[in-house]
């Protein structure tokens, strides 16, 4: 690999799966009554410019994960959520989160950031893996356009 070159991996590459596993761990850690944004989730998972990829991961699933707790950068609900915005609205209400009439969550009230202990717990499973010591960007390759 030449200096300054960027390694690009497809979604089946181990680097992509590590990122997906990190995202799942963080979503699992979001407590009831709180939300995170797509961009925040990307940042916490180590790829700060991957908010769109978080949407792909959420759309693909991860059964049993509280995806209702992921909103856009303005606190807006996701149209791609199962049942659409109405489905996410109902699920967030059950989590104890108030939704404004414009279908937004007040991030100043409900946005969650992990404290040091939780961040350490989230990071524990991948600490020391060879893939995480790389300094190159890992970007999924879109196929089938």
C-alpha atoms as a PDB file:
ATOM      1  CA  UNK A   1       0.000   0.000   0.000  1.00  0.00           C
ATOM      2  CA  UNK A   2       1.424   3.389  -0.953  1.00  0.00           C
ATOM      3  CA  UNK A   3       1.808   6.298   1.447  1.00  0.00           C
ATOM      4  CA  UNK A   4      -1.369   8.296   1.793  1.00  0.00           C
ATOM      5  CA  UNK A   5      -3.512   5.542   0.262  1.00  0.00           C
ATOM      6  CA  UNK A   6      -6.733   4.614   1.954  1.00  0.00           C
ATOM      7  CA  UNK A   7      -7.813   1.028   2.503  1.00  0.00           C
ATOM      8  CA  UNK A   8     -11.385   0.380   1.489  1.00  0.00           C
ATOM      9  CA  UNK A   9     -13.228  -2.723   2.544  1.00  0.00           C
ATOM     10  CA  UNK A  10     -16.560  -4.152   1.487  1.00  0.00           C
ATOM     11  CA  UNK A  11     -19.316  -4.928   3.993  1.00  0.00           C
ATOM     12  CA  UNK A  12     -18.178  -8.537   4.350  1.00  0.00           C
ATOM     13  CA  UNK A  13     -14.707  -7.546   5.500  1.00  0.00           C
ATOM     14  CA  UNK A  14     -13.861  -8.112   9.136  1.00  0.00           C
ATOM     15  CA  UNK A  15     -13.341  -4.348   9.652  1.00  0.00           C
ATOM     16  CA  UNK A  16     -16.950  -3.682   8.687  1.00  0.00           C
ATOM     17  CA  UNK A  17     -18.213  -6.370  11.073  1.00  0.00           C
ATOM     18  CA  UNK A  18     -16.158  -4.880  13.898  1.00  0.00           C
ATOM     19  CA  UNK A  19     -17.802  -1.516  13.256  1.00  0.00           C
ATOM     20  CA  UNK A  20     -21.281  -3.111  13.181  1.00  0.00           C
ATOM     21  CA  UNK A  21     -20.549  -4.926  16.454  1.00  0.00           C
ATOM     22  CA  UNK A  22     -19.445  -1.650  18.058  1.00  0.00           C
ATOM     23  CA  UNK A  23     -22.637   0.069  16.904  1.00  0.00           C
ATOM     24  CA  UNK A  24     -24.757  -2.767  18.306  1.00  0.00           C
ATOM     25  CA  UNK A  25     -22.915  -2.584  21.650  1.00  0.00           C
ATOM     26  CA  UNK A  26     -23.526   1.152  21.907  1.00  0.00           C
ATOM     27  CA  UNK A  27     -27.211   0.914  20.937  1.00  0.00           C
ATOM     28  CA  UNK A  28     -27.609  -1.816  23.573  1.00  0.00           C
ATOM     29  CA  UNK A  29     -26.083   0.539  26.176  1.00  0.00           C
ATOM     30  CA  UNK A  30     -28.456   3.474  25.552  1.00  0.00           C
ATOM     31  CA  UNK A  31     -30.654   3.570  28.650  1.00  0.00           C
ATOM     32  CA  UNK A  32     -34.431   3.706  28.552  1.00  0.00           C
ATOM     33  CA  UNK A  33     -35.610   7.307  28.479  1.00  0.00           C
ATOM     34  CA  UNK A  34     -32.664   8.521  26.370  1.00  0.00           C
ATOM     35  CA  UNK A  35     -31.711   8.773  22.698  1.00  0.00           C
ATOM     36  CA  UNK A  36     -28.576   9.072  20.556  1.00  0.00           C
ATOM     37  CA  UNK A  37     -28.212  10.516  17.069  1.00  0.00           C
ATOM     38  CA  UNK A  38     -26.890   8.678  14.022  1.00  0.00           C
ATOM     39  CA  UNK A  39     -23.824  10.928  13.953  1.00  0.00           C
ATOM     40  CA  UNK A  40     -23.214  10.547  17.660  1.00  0.00           C
ATOM     41  CA  UNK A  41     -23.419   6.777  17.320  1.00  0.00           C
ATOM     42  CA  UNK A  42     -20.918   6.887  14.439  1.00  0.00           C
ATOM     43  CA  UNK A  43     -18.566   9.015  16.519  1.00  0.00           C
ATOM     44  CA  UNK A  44     -18.832   6.732  19.559  1.00  0.00           C
ATOM     45  CA  UNK A  45     -18.176   3.690  17.336  1.00  0.00           C
ATOM     46  CA  UNK A  46     -14.977   5.287  16.021  1.00  0.00           C
ATOM     47  CA  UNK A  47     -16.074   6.523  12.576  1.00  0.00           C
ATOM     48  CA  UNK A  48     -17.292  10.109  13.057  1.00  0.00           C
ATOM     49  CA  UNK A  49     -18.319  10.609   9.422  1.00  0.00           C
ATOM     50  CA  UNK A  50     -20.355   7.406   9.137  1.00  0.00           C
ATOM     51  CA  UNK A  51     -23.836   8.583  10.170  1.00  0.00           C
ATOM     52  CA  UNK A  52     -25.310   7.256   6.925  1.00  0.00           C
ATOM     53  CA  UNK A  53     -23.758   3.845   7.547  1.00  0.00           C
ATOM     54  CA  UNK A  54     -25.451   3.813  10.962  1.00  0.00           C
ATOM     55  CA  UNK A  55     -28.746   4.150   9.090  1.00  0.00           C
ATOM     56  CA  UNK A  56     -27.833   1.130   6.935  1.00  0.00           C
ATOM     57  CA  UNK A  57     -26.949  -0.876  10.030  1.00  0.00           C
ATOM     58  CA  UNK A  58     -30.195   0.113  11.746  1.00  0.00           C
ATOM     59  CA  UNK A  59     -32.208  -0.772   8.650  1.00  0.00           C
ATOM     60  CA  UNK A  60     -30.505  -4.181   8.463  1.00  0.00           C
ATOM     61  CA  UNK A  61     -31.615  -4.883  11.998  1.00  0.00           C
ATOM     62  CA  UNK A  62     -29.936  -6.382  14.916  1.00  0.00           C
ATOM     63  CA  UNK A  63     -32.946  -8.042  16.463  1.00  0.00           C
ATOM     64  CA  UNK A  64     -33.778  -7.122  20.014  1.00  0.00           C
ATOM     65  CA  UNK A  65     -31.827  -3.860  19.950  1.00  0.00           C
ATOM     66  CA  UNK A  66     -33.553  -0.605  20.981  1.00  0.00           C
ATOM     67  CA  UNK A  67     -33.268   1.102  17.576  1.00  0.00           C
ATOM     68  CA  UNK A  68     -36.145   3.404  18.539  1.00  0.00           C
ATOM     69  CA  UNK A  69     -33.576   5.286  20.631  1.00  0.00           C
ATOM     70  CA  UNK A  70     -31.669   6.434  17.532  1.00  0.00           C
ATOM     71  CA  UNK A  71     -32.848   9.728  16.002  1.00  0.00           C
ATOM     72  CA  UNK A  72     -31.486  12.204  13.476  1.00  0.00           C
ATOM     73  CA  UNK A  73     -29.252  15.147  14.356  1.00  0.00           C
ATOM     74  CA  UNK A  74     -32.263  17.369  15.006  1.00  0.00           C
ATOM     75  CA  UNK A  75     -34.000  14.769  17.186  1.00  0.00           C
ATOM     76  CA  UNK A  76     -36.285  13.824  14.287  1.00  0.00           C
ATOM     77  CA  UNK A  77     -37.846  10.395  14.063  1.00  0.00           C
ATOM     78  CA  UNK A  78     -36.871   7.926  11.339  1.00  0.00           C
ATOM     79  CA  UNK A  79     -39.241   7.154   8.487  1.00  0.00           C
ATOM     80  CA  UNK A  80     -37.408   3.833   7.989  1.00  0.00           C
ATOM     81  CA  UNK A  81     -38.226   2.601  11.493  1.00  0.00           C
ATOM     82  CA  UNK A  82     -40.602  -0.392  11.599  1.00  0.00           C
ATOM     83  CA  UNK A  83     -44.025   1.208  11.500  1.00  0.00           C
ATOM     84  CA  UNK A  84     -42.524   4.503  10.302  1.00  0.00           C
ATOM     85  CA  UNK A  85     -42.366   7.639  12.408  1.00  0.00           C
ATOM     86  CA  UNK A  86     -45.636   6.693  14.113  1.00  0.00           C
ATOM     87  CA  UNK A  87     -44.107   3.373  15.209  1.00  0.00           C
ATOM     88  CA  UNK A  88     -40.987   5.041  16.555  1.00  0.00           C
ATOM     89  CA  UNK A  89     -43.121   7.698  18.246  1.00  0.00           C
ATOM     90  CA  UNK A  90     -45.189   5.067  20.071  1.00  0.00           C
ATOM     91  CA  UNK A  91     -42.128   3.077  21.128  1.00  0.00           C
ATOM     92  CA  UNK A  92     -40.293   6.151  22.403  1.00  0.00           C
ATOM     93  CA  UNK A  93     -43.386   7.199  24.363  1.00  0.00           C
ATOM     94  CA  UNK A  94     -43.339   3.777  26.047  1.00  0.00           C
ATOM     95  CA  UNK A  95     -39.679   4.493  26.898  1.00  0.00           C
ATOM     96  CA  UNK A  96     -40.827   7.658  28.692  1.00  0.00           C
ATOM     97  CA  UNK A  97     -39.667  10.133  26.051  1.00  0.00           C
ATOM     98  CA  UNK A  98     -41.869  13.102  25.148  1.00  0.00           C
ATOM     99  CA  UNK A  99     -42.225  13.768  21.426  1.00  0.00           C
ATOM    100  CA  UNK A 100     -42.969  17.313  20.235  1.00  0.00           C
ATOM    101  CA  UNK A 101     -45.756  18.020  17.748  1.00  0.00           C
ATOM    102  CA  UNK A 102     -43.147  18.350  14.989  1.00  0.00           C
ATOM    103  CA  UNK A 103     -42.146  14.692  15.615  1.00  0.00           C
ATOM    104  CA  UNK A 104     -38.865  15.580  17.314  1.00  0.00           C
ATOM    105  CA  UNK A 105     -37.210  14.607  20.563  1.00  0.00           C
ATOM    106  CA  UNK A 106     -35.692  17.425  22.606  1.00  0.00           C
ATOM    107  CA  UNK A 107     -32.002  16.472  22.503  1.00  0.00           C
ATOM    108  CA  UNK A 108     -31.172  18.933  25.279  1.00  0.00           C
ATOM    109  CA  UNK A 109     -33.355  16.818  27.568  1.00  0.00           C
ATOM    110  CA  UNK A 110     -33.046  13.253  26.259  1.00  0.00           C
ATOM    111  CA  UNK A 111     -29.680  12.893  24.482  1.00  0.00           C
ATOM    112  CA  UNK A 112     -27.374  10.374  26.165  1.00  0.00           C
ATOM    113  CA  UNK A 113     -23.594  10.359  26.307  1.00  0.00           C
ATOM    114  CA  UNK A 114     -21.895   7.449  28.037  1.00  0.00           C
ATOM    115  CA  UNK A 115     -19.889   8.167  31.147  1.00  0.00           C
ATOM    116  CA  UNK A 116     -16.356   6.799  31.468  1.00  0.00           C
ATOM    117  CA  UNK A 117     -17.462   3.524  33.093  1.00  0.00           C
ATOM    118  CA  UNK A 118     -20.026   2.764  30.381  1.00  0.00           C
ATOM    119  CA  UNK A 119     -17.616   3.793  27.613  1.00  0.00           C
ATOM    120  CA  UNK A 120     -15.054   1.410  29.070  1.00  0.00           C
ATOM    121  CA  UNK A 121     -17.624  -1.389  29.200  1.00  0.00           C
ATOM    122  CA  UNK A 122     -18.653  -0.775  25.567  1.00  0.00           C
ATOM    123  CA  UNK A 123     -15.016  -0.730  24.440  1.00  0.00           C
ATOM    124  CA  UNK A 124     -13.921  -3.762  26.459  1.00  0.00           C
ATOM    125  CA  UNK A 125     -14.852  -6.462  23.953  1.00  0.00           C
ATOM    126  CA  UNK A 126     -12.717  -5.075  21.129  1.00  0.00           C
ATOM    127  CA  UNK A 127      -9.758  -3.762  23.075  1.00  0.00           C
ATOM    128  CA  UNK A 128      -6.509  -5.157  21.754  1.00  0.00           C
ATOM    129  CA  UNK A 129      -7.861  -6.515  18.473  1.00  0.00           C
ATOM    130  CA  UNK A 130      -5.397  -6.051  15.673  1.00  0.00           C
ATOM    131  CA  UNK A 131      -7.991  -4.354  13.447  1.00  0.00           C
ATOM    132  CA  UNK A 132      -8.529  -1.604  16.020  1.00  0.00           C
ATOM    133  CA  UNK A 133      -4.873  -0.600  16.044  1.00  0.00           C
ATOM    134  CA  UNK A 134      -4.979   0.393  12.385  1.00  0.00           C
ATOM    135  CA  UNK A 135      -4.688   4.044  11.573  1.00  0.00           C
ATOM    136  CA  UNK A 136      -6.351   3.745   8.174  1.00  0.00           C
ATOM    137  CA  UNK A 137      -9.979   4.529   7.502  1.00  0.00           C
ATOM    138  CA  UNK A 138     -12.349   1.616   7.022  1.00  0.00           C
ATOM    139  CA  UNK A 139     -15.112   2.569   4.628  1.00  0.00           C
ATOM    140  CA  UNK A 140     -17.801   0.254   3.253  1.00  0.00           C
ATOM    141  CA  UNK A 141     -18.043  -0.068  -0.513  1.00  0.00           C
ATOM    142  CA  UNK A 142     -21.471   0.471  -2.032  1.00  0.00           C
ATOM    143  CA  UNK A 143     -22.350  -2.090  -4.657  1.00  0.00           C
ATOM    144  CA  UNK A 144     -25.347  -2.729  -6.860  1.00  0.00           C
ATOM    145  CA  UNK A 145     -26.099   0.859  -7.938  1.00  0.00           C
END
